[in-house]
Amino acid sequence: MEKATKNHFKQLTYIVTISMVIVLFFTGYSIGKTINQTTIKGEAAFAQPVLEVLSDSDIKITDAQSEGECSFVVRNYNKDNKKTEVGLQYTVQIIDTLSPNLKNTIQYELYKNGNIVELKNGLTSKMEMTNQKNQEDTYTLKIKYDKNQSLEMGDILDKVQIQVHSEQCKI
């Protein structure tokens, strides 16, 4: 009887296996791995920022002429009228290499389009230039020198410079 049960179990296993293969064959279900590949090609050009700084001649400050003005222009287009392609942020920085005991002999006042600009440690806050239209900001730096504020005998020569730092606006 045991042999008949084993034989019956074998037959049942064959029938179930063949039935499953036939069912899978007719359902159209397949087991396999697919590979998809997508290729994207594109060309992109970098935006061209334009920030031009134009200034007039140097100023000379002496005992006789203790005040001076320096004018400069910051604009978002060049001499060929090519405008910047991106918005820009910029700062103006007044840098001097004066020794600490001469710092109180010079005072700076910066004007943008006739309005005074606040300087913090010789640096302005960030200002913006758009790429929508030609923009030109006119600056005047007034320097006042008071030699009586210092006990040193020497004059101050070639110690002040103006720097304009720019960066592209974040989109």
N, C-alpha and C. Protein backbone atom coordinates (compact mmCIF):
# COMPACT_ATOMS: atom_id res chain seq x y z
N MET A 1 0.83 -1.18 0.00
CA MET A 1 0.00 0.00 0.00
C MET A 1 0.88 1.25 0.00
N GLU A 2 1.97 1.14 0.63
CA GLU A 2 2.89 2.27 0.69
C GLU A 2 3.41 2.60 -0.71
N LYS A 3 3.68 1.61 -1.50
CA LYS A 3 4.16 1.82 -2.85
C LYS A 3 3.09 2.51 -3.68
N ALA A 4 1.85 2.16 -3.49
CA ALA A 4 0.77 2.76 -4.24
C ALA A 4 0.60 4.23 -3.85
N THR A 5 0.79 4.56 -2.63
CA THR A 5 0.70 5.95 -2.19
C THR A 5 1.83 6.78 -2.77
N LYS A 6 3.05 6.22 -2.79
CA LYS A 6 4.17 6.93 -3.38
C LYS A 6 3.94 7.14 -4.86
N ASN A 7 3.45 6.13 -5.51
CA ASN A 7 3.19 6.22 -6.94
C ASN A 7 2.11 7.26 -7.22
N HIS A 8 1.08 7.27 -6.42
CA HIS A 8 -0.01 8.24 -6.56
C HIS A 8 0.51 9.68 -6.32
N PHE A 9 1.40 9.86 -5.34
CA PHE A 9 1.99 11.18 -5.03
C PHE A 9 2.86 11.66 -6.20
N LYS A 10 3.60 10.74 -6.83
CA LYS A 10 4.43 11.09 -7.98
C LYS A 10 3.58 11.57 -9.13
N GLN A 11 2.51 10.84 -9.38
CA GLN A 11 1.63 11.20 -10.49
C GLN A 11 0.99 12.57 -10.23
N LEU A 12 0.59 12.80 -9.02
CA LEU A 12 -0.03 14.08 -8.66
C LEU A 12 0.97 15.23 -8.84
N THR A 13 2.25 15.01 -8.49
CA THR A 13 3.28 16.03 -8.66
C THR A 13 3.50 16.34 -10.13
N TYR A 14 3.53 15.28 -10.97
CA TYR A 14 3.69 15.51 -12.42
C TYR A 14 2.52 16.29 -12.99
N ILE A 15 1.35 15.97 -12.58
CA ILE A 15 0.15 16.63 -13.11
C ILE A 15 0.14 18.11 -12.71
N VAL A 16 0.45 18.38 -11.47
CA VAL A 16 0.46 19.78 -11.00
C VAL A 16 1.54 20.57 -11.74
N THR A 17 2.73 20.04 -11.90
CA THR A 17 3.82 20.73 -12.58
C THR A 17 3.46 21.00 -14.03
N ILE A 18 2.96 19.99 -14.73
CA ILE A 18 2.59 20.18 -16.14
C ILE A 18 1.44 21.17 -16.26
N SER A 19 0.50 21.13 -15.33
CA SER A 19 -0.62 22.08 -15.35
C SER A 19 -0.13 23.51 -15.18
N MET A 20 0.80 23.70 -14.28
CA MET A 20 1.33 25.07 -14.07
C MET A 20 2.06 25.57 -15.31
N VAL A 21 2.84 24.70 -15.95
CA VAL A 21 3.57 25.11 -17.16
C VAL A 21 2.57 25.48 -18.25
N ILE A 22 1.51 24.71 -18.40
CA ILE A 22 0.50 25.00 -19.44
C ILE A 22 -0.23 26.30 -19.13
N VAL A 23 -0.59 26.50 -17.87
CA VAL A 23 -1.27 27.75 -17.48
C VAL A 23 -0.38 28.95 -17.75
N LEU A 24 0.89 28.88 -17.36
CA LEU A 24 1.81 29.99 -17.61
C LEU A 24 2.02 30.22 -19.11
N PHE A 25 2.04 29.15 -19.89
CA PHE A 25 2.24 29.28 -21.32
C PHE A 25 1.07 30.02 -21.97
N PHE A 26 -0.16 29.72 -21.55
CA PHE A 26 -1.33 30.34 -22.16
C PHE A 26 -1.65 31.73 -21.61
N THR A 27 -1.14 32.07 -20.46
CA THR A 27 -1.41 33.40 -19.92
C THR A 27 -0.53 34.47 -20.56
N GLY A 28 0.50 34.12 -21.22
CA GLY A 28 1.38 35.10 -21.86
C GLY A 28 2.33 35.77 -20.89
N TYR A 29 2.41 35.28 -19.73
CA TYR A 29 3.30 35.83 -18.72
C TYR A 29 4.68 35.24 -18.95
N SER A 30 5.65 36.14 -19.00
CA SER A 30 7.02 35.64 -19.17
C SER A 30 7.89 36.19 -18.07
N ILE A 31 8.84 35.45 -17.73
CA ILE A 31 9.78 35.86 -16.70
C ILE A 31 11.08 36.20 -17.42
N GLY A 32 11.51 37.44 -17.26
CA GLY A 32 12.74 37.85 -17.92
C GLY A 32 13.19 39.20 -17.40
N LYS A 33 14.34 39.61 -17.82
CA LYS A 33 14.91 40.88 -17.39
C LYS A 33 14.95 41.80 -18.59
N THR A 34 14.49 43.03 -18.39
CA THR A 34 14.53 44.00 -19.48
C THR A 34 15.56 45.08 -19.15
N ILE A 35 16.14 45.63 -20.17
CA ILE A 35 17.12 46.70 -20.01
C ILE A 35 16.66 47.87 -20.86
N ASN A 36 16.46 48.99 -20.22
CA ASN A 36 16.11 50.23 -20.93
C ASN A 36 17.28 51.18 -20.86
N GLN A 37 17.58 51.81 -21.97
CA GLN A 37 18.67 52.78 -22.01
C GLN A 37 18.15 54.04 -22.69
N THR A 38 18.32 55.17 -22.01
CA THR A 38 17.90 56.44 -22.56
C THR A 38 19.12 57.34 -22.70
N THR A 39 19.27 57.90 -23.87
CA THR A 39 20.39 58.81 -24.12
C THR A 39 19.82 60.20 -24.36
N ILE A 40 20.29 61.13 -23.60
CA ILE A 40 19.85 62.52 -23.75
C ILE A 40 21.05 63.34 -24.18
N LYS A 41 20.90 64.04 -25.27
CA LYS A 41 21.97 64.90 -25.76
C LYS A 41 21.44 66.33 -25.79
N GLY A 42 22.28 67.24 -25.38
CA GLY A 42 21.88 68.64 -25.39
C GLY A 42 23.10 69.54 -25.40
N GLU A 43 22.89 70.74 -25.81
CA GLU A 43 23.96 71.73 -25.80
C GLU A 43 23.49 72.92 -25.00
N ALA A 44 24.36 73.41 -24.15
CA ALA A 44 24.04 74.58 -23.35
C ALA A 44 25.24 75.50 -23.33
N ALA A 45 24.98 76.77 -23.44
CA ALA A 45 26.05 77.75 -23.38
C ALA A 45 25.99 78.45 -22.02
N PHE A 46 27.13 78.86 -21.53
CA PHE A 46 27.18 79.59 -20.27
C PHE A 46 26.70 81.02 -20.52
N ALA A 47 25.98 81.54 -19.56
CA ALA A 47 25.55 82.93 -19.65
C ALA A 47 26.77 83.82 -19.47
N GLN A 48 26.81 84.89 -20.21
CA GLN A 48 27.94 85.80 -20.18
C GLN A 48 27.63 86.99 -19.28
N PRO A 49 28.28 87.06 -18.11
CA PRO A 49 28.07 88.24 -17.26
C PRO A 49 28.93 89.40 -17.77
N VAL A 50 28.38 90.60 -17.70
CA VAL A 50 29.12 91.80 -18.07
C VAL A 50 28.97 92.80 -16.94
N LEU A 51 30.09 93.21 -16.38
CA LEU A 51 30.12 94.26 -15.36
C LEU A 51 31.36 95.08 -15.65
N GLU A 52 31.15 96.32 -16.01
CA GLU A 52 32.27 97.17 -16.39
C GLU A 52 32.38 98.34 -15.42
N VAL A 53 33.60 98.65 -15.03
CA VAL A 53 33.86 99.76 -14.12
C VAL A 53 34.72 100.77 -14.85
N LEU A 54 34.24 102.00 -14.92
CA LEU A 54 34.97 103.09 -15.57
C LEU A 54 35.28 104.15 -14.53
N SER A 55 36.50 104.66 -14.52
CA SER A 55 36.84 105.68 -13.53
C SER A 55 37.63 106.79 -14.20
N ASP A 56 37.63 107.93 -13.54
CA ASP A 56 38.41 109.06 -14.04
C ASP A 56 39.81 109.00 -13.43
N SER A 57 40.53 110.05 -13.55
CA SER A 57 41.92 110.07 -13.11
C SER A 57 42.04 109.96 -11.59
N ASP A 58 43.27 109.69 -11.16
CA ASP A 58 43.57 109.61 -9.73
C ASP A 58 43.41 110.98 -9.08
N ILE A 59 43.23 110.96 -7.77
CA ILE A 59 43.14 112.22 -7.04
C ILE A 59 44.41 112.40 -6.21
N LYS A 60 44.76 113.62 -6.03
CA LYS A 60 45.94 113.96 -5.23
C LYS A 60 45.46 114.74 -4.01
N ILE A 61 45.82 114.24 -2.84
CA ILE A 61 45.47 114.93 -1.60
C ILE A 61 46.77 115.32 -0.91
N THR A 62 46.86 116.59 -0.59
CA THR A 62 48.05 117.13 0.07
C THR A 62 47.60 117.96 1.27
N ASP A 63 48.58 118.58 1.94
CA ASP A 63 48.23 119.49 3.03
C ASP A 63 47.40 120.66 2.51
N ALA A 64 47.76 121.16 1.35
CA ALA A 64 47.04 122.30 0.79
C ALA A 64 45.65 121.90 0.30
N GLN A 65 45.54 120.71 -0.27
CA GLN A 65 44.25 120.23 -0.76
C GLN A 65 43.92 118.96 0.02
N SER A 66 43.20 119.13 1.13
CA SER A 66 42.97 118.02 2.04
C SER A 66 41.71 117.22 1.72
N GLU A 67 40.97 117.60 0.70
CA GLU A 67 39.78 116.86 0.29
C GLU A 67 39.88 116.56 -1.20
N GLY A 68 39.33 115.43 -1.57
CA GLY A 68 39.33 115.05 -2.98
C GLY A 68 38.14 114.18 -3.30
N GLU A 69 37.81 114.12 -4.59
CA GLU A 69 36.71 113.29 -5.06
C GLU A 69 37.18 112.41 -6.20
N CYS A 70 36.71 111.20 -6.19
CA CYS A 70 36.99 110.25 -7.25
C CYS A 70 35.65 109.73 -7.75
N SER A 71 35.41 109.83 -9.04
CA SER A 71 34.15 109.35 -9.61
C SER A 71 34.40 108.09 -10.43
N PHE A 72 33.46 107.17 -10.35
CA PHE A 72 33.53 105.97 -11.18
C PHE A 72 32.12 105.48 -11.47
N VAL A 73 32.00 104.70 -12.53
CA VAL A 73 30.71 104.21 -13.00
C VAL A 73 30.76 102.68 -13.04
N VAL A 74 29.71 102.06 -12.54
CA VAL A 74 29.54 100.60 -12.63
C VAL A 74 28.33 100.37 -13.52
N ARG A 75 28.52 99.58 -14.59
CA ARG A 75 27.41 99.35 -15.51
C ARG A 75 27.37 97.90 -15.97
N ASN A 76 26.19 97.49 -16.43
CA ASN A 76 25.98 96.09 -16.83
C ASN A 76 26.07 95.89 -18.34
N TYR A 77 26.76 96.74 -19.03
CA TYR A 77 27.01 96.60 -20.46
C TYR A 77 28.40 97.14 -20.76
N ASN A 78 28.94 96.74 -21.91
CA ASN A 78 30.29 97.19 -22.25
C ASN A 78 30.25 98.24 -23.36
N LYS A 79 31.43 98.61 -23.84
CA LYS A 79 31.52 99.68 -24.85
C LYS A 79 30.87 99.29 -26.17
N ASP A 80 30.73 97.99 -26.43
CA ASP A 80 30.05 97.52 -27.64
C ASP A 80 28.55 97.39 -27.44
N ASN A 81 28.07 97.86 -26.29
CA ASN A 81 26.65 97.83 -25.90
C ASN A 81 26.14 96.40 -25.71
N LYS A 82 27.04 95.48 -25.41
CA LYS A 82 26.64 94.10 -25.09
C LYS A 82 26.25 94.07 -23.63
N LYS A 83 25.01 93.69 -23.38
CA LYS A 83 24.45 93.69 -22.04
C LYS A 83 24.69 92.34 -21.37
N THR A 84 24.74 92.35 -20.05
CA THR A 84 24.90 91.11 -19.31
C THR A 84 23.72 90.18 -19.57
N GLU A 85 23.98 88.88 -19.57
CA GLU A 85 22.92 87.90 -19.83
C GLU A 85 22.32 87.37 -18.53
N VAL A 86 22.90 87.74 -17.40
CA VAL A 86 22.42 87.27 -16.10
C VAL A 86 22.34 88.45 -15.14
N GLY A 87 21.51 88.32 -14.13
CA GLY A 87 21.47 89.32 -13.08
C GLY A 87 22.73 89.24 -12.22
N LEU A 88 23.18 90.38 -11.73
CA LEU A 88 24.42 90.43 -10.95
C LEU A 88 24.18 91.11 -9.62
N GLN A 89 24.95 90.69 -8.63
CA GLN A 89 25.03 91.39 -7.36
C GLN A 89 26.47 91.84 -7.21
N TYR A 90 26.66 93.04 -6.70
CA TYR A 90 28.03 93.52 -6.53
C TYR A 90 28.15 94.36 -5.27
N THR A 91 29.39 94.46 -4.79
CA THR A 91 29.70 95.31 -3.66
C THR A 91 30.88 96.19 -4.05
N VAL A 92 30.96 97.35 -3.42
CA VAL A 92 32.09 98.26 -3.60
C VAL A 92 32.86 98.25 -2.28
N GLN A 93 34.18 98.10 -2.39
CA GLN A 93 35.01 98.05 -1.20
C GLN A 93 36.11 99.09 -1.30
N ILE A 94 36.28 99.85 -0.23
CA ILE A 94 37.36 100.83 -0.12
C ILE A 94 38.44 100.18 0.74
N ILE A 95 39.61 100.03 0.16
CA ILE A 95 40.71 99.37 0.86
C ILE A 95 41.84 100.36 1.04
N ASP A 96 42.30 100.46 2.27
CA ASP A 96 43.49 101.27 2.51
C ASP A 96 44.50 100.43 3.30
N THR A 97 45.74 100.78 3.14
CA THR A 97 46.81 100.04 3.83
C THR A 97 47.46 100.94 4.88
N LEU A 98 46.65 101.75 5.47
CA LEU A 98 47.17 102.68 6.48
C LEU A 98 47.51 101.94 7.76
N SER A 99 48.52 102.41 8.42
CA SER A 99 48.85 101.85 9.72
C SER A 99 47.76 102.26 10.71
N PRO A 100 47.56 101.50 11.77
CA PRO A 100 46.48 101.78 12.72
C PRO A 100 46.52 103.20 13.30
N ASN A 101 47.70 103.77 13.47
CA ASN A 101 47.75 105.12 14.05
C ASN A 101 47.44 106.20 13.02
N LEU A 102 47.27 105.84 11.73
CA LEU A 102 46.86 106.81 10.71
C LEU A 102 45.40 106.63 10.28
N LYS A 103 44.71 105.61 10.77
CA LYS A 103 43.34 105.32 10.35
C LYS A 103 42.38 106.49 10.58
N ASN A 104 42.59 107.22 11.66
CA ASN A 104 41.66 108.32 11.97
C ASN A 104 41.97 109.59 11.19
N THR A 105 42.99 109.59 10.35
CA THR A 105 43.31 110.79 9.57
C THR A 105 42.51 110.88 8.28
N ILE A 106 41.91 109.78 7.83
CA ILE A 106 41.15 109.78 6.57
C ILE A 106 39.72 109.35 6.85
N GLN A 107 38.79 110.08 6.22
CA GLN A 107 37.37 109.74 6.29
C GLN A 107 36.87 109.55 4.86
N TYR A 108 36.01 108.54 4.68
CA TYR A 108 35.45 108.24 3.37
C TYR A 108 33.94 108.46 3.38
N GLU A 109 33.44 109.02 2.28
CA GLU A 109 32.01 109.13 2.05
C GLU A 109 31.77 108.65 0.63
N LEU A 110 30.87 107.68 0.47
CA LEU A 110 30.57 107.13 -0.85
C LEU A 110 29.14 107.49 -1.22
N TYR A 111 28.97 108.00 -2.43
CA TYR A 111 27.66 108.39 -2.94
C TYR A 111 27.36 107.58 -4.19
N LYS A 112 26.12 107.05 -4.24
CA LYS A 112 25.65 106.33 -5.42
C LYS A 112 24.50 107.12 -6.02
N ASN A 113 24.69 107.57 -7.24
CA ASN A 113 23.69 108.39 -7.94
C ASN A 113 23.22 109.56 -7.07
N GLY A 114 24.15 110.16 -6.34
CA GLY A 114 23.86 111.33 -5.52
C GLY A 114 23.41 111.03 -4.10
N ASN A 115 23.14 109.78 -3.78
CA ASN A 115 22.68 109.39 -2.43
C ASN A 115 23.82 108.71 -1.69
N ILE A 116 23.95 109.06 -0.41
CA ILE A 116 25.04 108.49 0.38
C ILE A 116 24.82 107.00 0.60
N VAL A 117 25.90 106.24 0.54
CA VAL A 117 25.87 104.79 0.74
C VAL A 117 26.61 104.49 2.03
N GLU A 118 26.00 103.64 2.86
CA GLU A 118 26.63 103.29 4.13
C GLU A 118 27.77 102.31 3.90
N LEU A 119 28.88 102.59 4.53
CA LEU A 119 30.04 101.72 4.47
C LEU A 119 30.24 101.05 5.82
N LYS A 120 30.38 99.73 5.84
CA LYS A 120 30.69 99.00 7.06
C LYS A 120 32.05 98.38 6.86
N ASN A 121 33.03 98.86 7.60
CA ASN A 121 34.42 98.42 7.44
C ASN A 121 34.90 98.58 6.01
N GLY A 122 34.47 99.66 5.38
CA GLY A 122 34.90 99.96 4.02
C GLY A 122 34.17 99.20 2.95
N LEU A 123 33.09 98.50 3.28
CA LEU A 123 32.37 97.65 2.32
C LEU A 123 30.89 98.03 2.30
N THR A 124 30.33 98.09 1.08
CA THR A 124 28.90 98.37 0.95
C THR A 124 28.11 97.08 1.08
N SER A 125 26.82 97.20 1.24
CA SER A 125 25.97 96.02 1.18
C SER A 125 25.82 95.61 -0.30
N LYS A 126 25.27 94.42 -0.55
CA LYS A 126 25.12 93.95 -1.93
C LYS A 126 24.09 94.78 -2.67
N MET A 127 24.45 95.14 -3.91
CA MET A 127 23.55 95.88 -4.78
C MET A 127 23.31 95.05 -6.03
N GLU A 128 22.17 95.23 -6.67
CA GLU A 128 21.81 94.38 -7.81
C GLU A 128 21.78 95.15 -9.11
N MET A 129 22.12 94.42 -10.16
CA MET A 129 21.98 94.91 -11.54
C MET A 129 21.22 93.84 -12.30
N THR A 130 20.17 94.25 -12.99
CA THR A 130 19.37 93.28 -13.73
C THR A 130 19.94 93.08 -15.12
N ASN A 131 19.45 92.06 -15.78
CA ASN A 131 19.82 91.84 -17.17
C ASN A 131 18.69 92.27 -18.11
N GLN A 132 17.69 92.94 -17.57
CA GLN A 132 16.54 93.35 -18.36
C GLN A 132 16.80 94.61 -19.19
N LYS A 133 17.60 95.52 -18.66
CA LYS A 133 17.87 96.79 -19.35
C LYS A 133 19.27 97.26 -19.00
N ASN A 134 19.79 98.17 -19.80
CA ASN A 134 21.09 98.75 -19.49
C ASN A 134 20.99 99.57 -18.22
N GLN A 135 21.89 99.32 -17.30
CA GLN A 135 21.87 100.01 -16.02
C GLN A 135 23.26 100.59 -15.76
N GLU A 136 23.28 101.79 -15.24
CA GLU A 136 24.55 102.46 -14.97
C GLU A 136 24.43 103.17 -13.62
N ASP A 137 25.32 102.83 -12.70
CA ASP A 137 25.34 103.47 -11.38
C ASP A 137 26.58 104.34 -11.30
N THR A 138 26.39 105.61 -10.98
CA THR A 138 27.49 106.56 -10.88
C THR A 138 27.85 106.74 -9.41
N TYR A 139 29.12 106.58 -9.10
CA TYR A 139 29.61 106.69 -7.73
C TYR A 139 30.59 107.85 -7.60
N THR A 140 30.56 108.46 -6.44
CA THR A 140 31.54 109.48 -6.08
C THR A 140 32.08 109.14 -4.71
N LEU A 141 33.39 109.01 -4.62
CA LEU A 141 34.05 108.76 -3.34
C LEU A 141 34.71 110.05 -2.90
N LYS A 142 34.28 110.55 -1.75
CA LYS A 142 34.88 111.76 -1.19
C LYS A 142 35.84 111.33 -0.08
N ILE A 143 37.05 111.83 -0.17
CA ILE A 143 38.08 111.51 0.82
C ILE A 143 38.49 112.80 1.51
N LYS A 144 38.46 112.76 2.84
CA LYS A 144 38.88 113.93 3.63
C LYS A 144 40.09 113.52 4.46
N TYR A 145 41.13 114.33 4.39
CA TYR A 145 42.39 114.05 5.08
C TYR A 145 42.65 115.13 6.12
N ASP A 146 42.86 114.72 7.35
CA ASP A 146 43.17 115.66 8.41
C ASP A 146 44.52 115.26 9.02
N LYS A 147 45.57 115.94 8.57
CA LYS A 147 46.91 115.59 9.01
C LYS A 147 47.11 115.86 10.50
N ASN A 148 46.34 116.76 11.07
CA ASN A 148 46.48 117.10 12.49
C ASN A 148 46.03 115.97 13.41
N GLN A 149 45.33 114.97 12.87
CA GLN A 149 44.87 113.84 13.69
C GLN A 149 45.99 112.86 13.99
N SER A 150 47.14 113.00 13.33
CA SER A 150 48.23 112.05 13.50
C SER A 150 49.47 112.75 14.02
N LEU A 151 50.27 112.01 14.75
CA LEU A 151 51.53 112.55 15.25
C LEU A 151 52.70 112.20 14.33
N GLU A 152 52.43 111.38 13.29
CA GLU A 152 53.50 111.01 12.36
C GLU A 152 53.81 112.18 11.43
N MET A 153 55.05 112.23 10.99
CA MET A 153 55.49 113.33 10.14
C MET A 153 55.25 113.06 8.64
N GLY A 154 55.16 111.81 8.24
CA GLY A 154 55.09 111.50 6.81
C GLY A 154 53.70 111.67 6.23
N ASP A 155 53.67 111.87 4.91
CA ASP A 155 52.41 111.95 4.19
C ASP A 155 51.94 110.54 3.82
N ILE A 156 50.68 110.45 3.45
CA ILE A 156 50.10 109.19 3.01
C ILE A 156 50.13 109.19 1.48
N LEU A 157 50.82 108.23 0.88
CA LEU A 157 50.95 108.17 -0.57
C LEU A 157 50.45 106.82 -1.09
N ASP A 158 49.60 106.85 -2.12
CA ASP A 158 49.13 105.64 -2.81
C ASP A 158 48.68 104.55 -1.86
N LYS A 159 47.78 104.86 -0.96
CA LYS A 159 47.38 103.90 0.06
C LYS A 159 45.90 103.52 -0.01
N VAL A 160 45.13 104.07 -0.94
CA VAL A 160 43.70 103.82 -0.99
C VAL A 160 43.34 103.28 -2.37
N GLN A 161 42.52 102.21 -2.40
CA GLN A 161 42.04 101.71 -3.68
C GLN A 161 40.57 101.31 -3.56
N ILE A 162 39.89 101.31 -4.70
CA ILE A 162 38.47 100.95 -4.77
C ILE A 162 38.37 99.64 -5.53
N GLN A 163 37.66 98.67 -4.96
CA GLN A 163 37.46 97.39 -5.63
C GLN A 163 35.97 97.12 -5.74
N VAL A 164 35.57 96.57 -6.90
CA VAL A 164 34.19 96.18 -7.12
C VAL A 164 34.18 94.66 -7.28
N HIS A 165 33.43 93.99 -6.41
CA HIS A 165 33.32 92.53 -6.43
C HIS A 165 31.92 92.16 -6.91
N SER A 166 31.83 91.24 -7.86
CA SER A 166 30.50 90.86 -8.38
C SER A 166 30.32 89.36 -8.37
N GLU A 167 29.05 88.95 -8.38
CA GLU A 167 28.69 87.53 -8.47
C GLU A 167 27.35 87.42 -9.15
N GLN A 168 27.14 86.29 -9.78
CA GLN A 168 25.90 86.05 -10.48
C GLN A 168 24.78 85.84 -9.47
N CYS A 169 23.60 86.42 -9.75
CA CYS A 169 22.45 86.23 -8.86
C CYS A 169 21.98 84.78 -8.94
N LYS A 170 21.54 84.26 -7.83
CA LYS A 170 21.02 82.90 -7.79
C LYS A 170 19.63 82.88 -8.40
N ILE A 171 19.39 81.83 -9.14
CA ILE A 171 18.11 81.73 -9.84
C ILE A 171 17.10 81.02 -8.96
